[in-house]
Protein backbone atom coordinates (compact mmCIF):
# COMPACT_ATOMS: atom_id res chain seq x y z
CA MET A 1 -55.35 339.00 237.86
CA GLU A 2 -58.26 337.05 239.30
CA MET A 3 -60.51 340.12 239.37
CA TYR A 4 -59.95 340.58 235.61
CA ARG A 5 -61.06 337.01 235.00
CA ILE A 6 -64.14 337.51 237.18
CA ALA A 7 -64.98 340.72 235.31
CA TYR A 8 -64.47 338.97 231.96
CA GLN A 9 -66.71 336.08 233.01
CA TYR A 10 -69.45 338.55 233.97
CA TYR A 11 -68.97 340.34 230.64
CA MET A 12 -69.22 337.04 228.73
CA GLU A 13 -72.42 336.06 230.56
CA THR A 14 -73.94 339.47 229.88
CA CYS A 15 -73.09 339.27 226.17
CA GLU A 16 -74.63 335.80 226.00
CA ASN A 17 -77.80 336.98 227.77
CA TYR A 18 -78.27 339.77 225.21
CA GLY A 19 -77.23 337.70 222.18
CA MET A 20 -74.16 339.82 221.57
CA GLU A 21 -70.79 338.68 220.28
CA SER A 22 -68.05 339.08 222.88
CA ILE A 23 -64.43 340.09 222.39
CA ASN A 24 -61.47 337.98 223.47
CA PHE A 25 -59.88 338.31 226.91
CA HIS A 26 -56.76 340.13 225.72
CA HIS A 27 -58.79 342.80 223.90
CA PHE A 28 -61.16 343.11 226.88
CA ILE A 29 -58.30 343.74 229.33
CA LYS A 30 -56.43 346.08 226.98
CA HIS A 31 -59.44 348.42 226.71
CA LEU A 32 -60.90 348.05 230.21
CA THR A 33 -60.93 351.19 232.36
CA GLU A 34 -60.58 351.13 236.13
CA GLU A 35 -64.18 352.36 236.43
CA GLN A 36 -65.46 349.54 234.21
CA LEU A 37 -63.51 346.96 236.20
CA GLN A 38 -64.99 348.25 239.47
CA GLU A 39 -68.52 348.14 238.04
CA TYR A 40 -68.09 344.58 236.73
CA MET A 41 -66.78 343.51 240.12
CA ARG A 42 -69.68 345.21 241.93
CA LYS A 43 -72.27 343.49 239.71
CA ALA A 44 -70.54 340.09 239.81
CA ASN A 45 -70.77 339.95 243.61
C-alpha cells in the first residue's frame, strides 16, 4: 500500500506544479493502471 501513497504524493505534487485540480486518493487508486503506478514510482525515486 505504501507504493500507492508514494505514487499519489507524486501525482499531487505534479498537479500542484501545473495548477491542476487533483482527484481524491480513492478515485486515484480505483483508476490507476499497473503501468501508471510503475511510472509514478520510477519518477518519484
